[in-house]
Amino acid sequence: MDISTSEDLLTSGLIDSMGAIQLVGFVENRFHIKIPAEDLVVENFITIDAMCKYIKKSQRDN
């Protein structure tokens, strides 16, 4: 299955609420970052592009 980096992962049904929780855990482990509660917003995880932007920002801030 091909998905666009700008595709909405939630409304497309690719990720449900449990998948979102697992995704956050994966991102924290894979990129060695801790995602604070205030950053657990849809805008940071809605697309692959949004996640990449958030991860890059988080790594710069550390």
C-alpha atoms as a PDB file:
ATOM      1  CA  MET A   1       0.000   0.000   0.000  1.00  0.00           C
ATOM      2  CA  ASP A   2       1.395   3.367  -1.023  1.00  0.00           C
ATOM      3  CA  ILE A   3       0.612   6.405   1.070  1.00  0.00           C
ATOM      4  CA  SER A   4       1.517  10.012   0.514  1.00  0.00           C
ATOM      5  CA  THR A   5       3.630  11.792   3.112  1.00  0.00           C
ATOM      6  CA  SER A   6       0.846  14.384   3.283  1.00  0.00           C
ATOM      7  CA  GLU A   7      -2.012  11.894   3.707  1.00  0.00           C
ATOM      8  CA  ASP A   8      -4.120  12.294   6.849  1.00  0.00           C
ATOM      9  CA  LEU A   9      -3.346   9.079   8.723  1.00  0.00           C
ATOM     10  CA  LEU A  10      -6.289   9.348  11.112  1.00  0.00           C
ATOM     11  CA  THR A  11      -9.236  10.198   8.884  1.00  0.00           C
ATOM     12  CA  SER A  12      -7.992   7.794   6.212  1.00  0.00           C
ATOM     13  CA  GLY A  13      -8.304   4.975   8.747  1.00  0.00           C
ATOM     14  CA  LEU A  14      -4.624   4.010   8.539  1.00  0.00           C
ATOM     15  CA  ILE A  15      -4.209   4.679  12.265  1.00  0.00           C
ATOM     16  CA  ASP A  16      -6.787   4.386  15.036  1.00  0.00           C
ATOM     17  CA  SER A  17      -6.463   5.669  18.614  1.00  0.00           C
ATOM     18  CA  MET A  18      -4.503   2.602  19.764  1.00  0.00           C
ATOM     19  CA  GLY A  19      -2.256   2.885  16.729  1.00  0.00           C
ATOM     20  CA  ALA A  20      -1.603   6.527  17.564  1.00  0.00           C
ATOM     21  CA  ILE A  21      -0.425   5.545  21.050  1.00  0.00           C
ATOM     22  CA  GLN A  22       1.846   2.894  19.576  1.00  0.00           C
ATOM     23  CA  LEU A  23       3.161   5.380  17.027  1.00  0.00           C
ATOM     24  CA  VAL A  24       4.110   7.854  19.756  1.00  0.00           C
ATOM     25  CA  GLY A  25       6.001   5.103  21.604  1.00  0.00           C
ATOM     26  CA  PHE A  26       7.773   4.080  18.408  1.00  0.00           C
ATOM     27  CA  VAL A  27       8.816   7.658  17.649  1.00  0.00           C
ATOM     28  CA  GLU A  28      10.155   8.147  21.190  1.00  0.00           C
ATOM     29  CA  ASN A  29      12.171   4.918  21.054  1.00  0.00           C
ATOM     30  CA  ARG A  30      13.408   5.201  17.494  1.00  0.00           C
ATOM     31  CA  PHE A  31      14.464   8.847  17.663  1.00  0.00           C
ATOM     32  CA  HIS A  32      15.498   8.935  21.330  1.00  0.00           C
ATOM     33  CA  ILE A  33      13.174  11.766  22.242  1.00  0.00           C
ATOM     34  CA  LYS A  34      10.608  12.217  25.008  1.00  0.00           C
ATOM     35  CA  ILE A  35       7.341  13.668  23.780  1.00  0.00           C
ATOM     36  CA  PRO A  36       5.808  15.866  26.480  1.00  0.00           C
ATOM     37  CA  ALA A  37       2.042  15.743  27.050  1.00  0.00           C
ATOM     38  CA  GLU A  38       1.560  19.223  25.592  1.00  0.00           C
ATOM     39  CA  ASP A  39       2.998  17.997  22.262  1.00  0.00           C
ATOM     40  CA  LEU A  40       0.597  15.048  22.018  1.00  0.00           C
ATOM     41  CA  VAL A  41      -1.683  16.879  19.622  1.00  0.00           C
ATOM     42  CA  VAL A  42      -3.126  15.733  16.324  1.00  0.00           C
ATOM     43  CA  GLU A  43      -1.221  18.393  14.388  1.00  0.00           C
ATOM     44  CA  ASN A  44       2.125  16.756  15.253  1.00  0.00           C
ATOM     45  CA  PHE A  45       1.103  13.251  14.124  1.00  0.00           C
ATOM     46  CA  ILE A  46      -1.581  13.720  11.462  1.00  0.00           C
ATOM     47  CA  THR A  47       0.756  13.083   8.503  1.00  0.00           C
ATOM     48  CA  ILE A  48       4.211  11.689   7.919  1.00  0.00           C
ATOM     49  CA  ASP A  49       5.333  15.197   6.950  1.00  0.00           C
ATOM     50  CA  ALA A  50       4.031  16.581  10.271  1.00  0.00           C
ATOM     51  CA  MET A  51       5.828  13.850  12.221  1.00  0.00           C
ATOM     52  CA  CYS A  52       9.113  14.492  10.416  1.00  0.00           C
ATOM     53  CA  LYS A  53       8.839  18.209  11.148  1.00  0.00           C
ATOM     54  CA  TYR A  54       8.072  17.531  14.819  1.00  0.00           C
ATOM     55  CA  ILE A  55      10.918  14.996  15.184  1.00  0.00           C
ATOM     56  CA  LYS A  56      13.453  17.366  13.609  1.00  0.00           C
ATOM     57  CA  LYS A  57      12.335  20.202  15.890  1.00  0.00           C
ATOM     58  CA  SER A  58      12.504  17.936  18.957  1.00  0.00           C
ATOM     59  CA  GLN A  59      16.012  16.782  18.108  1.00  0.00           C
ATOM     60  CA  ARG A  60      17.201  20.387  17.632  1.00  0.00           C
ATOM     61  CA  ASP A  61      15.672  21.399  20.981  1.00  0.00           C
ATOM     62  CA  ASN A  62      17.575  18.646  22.869  1.00  0.00           C
END
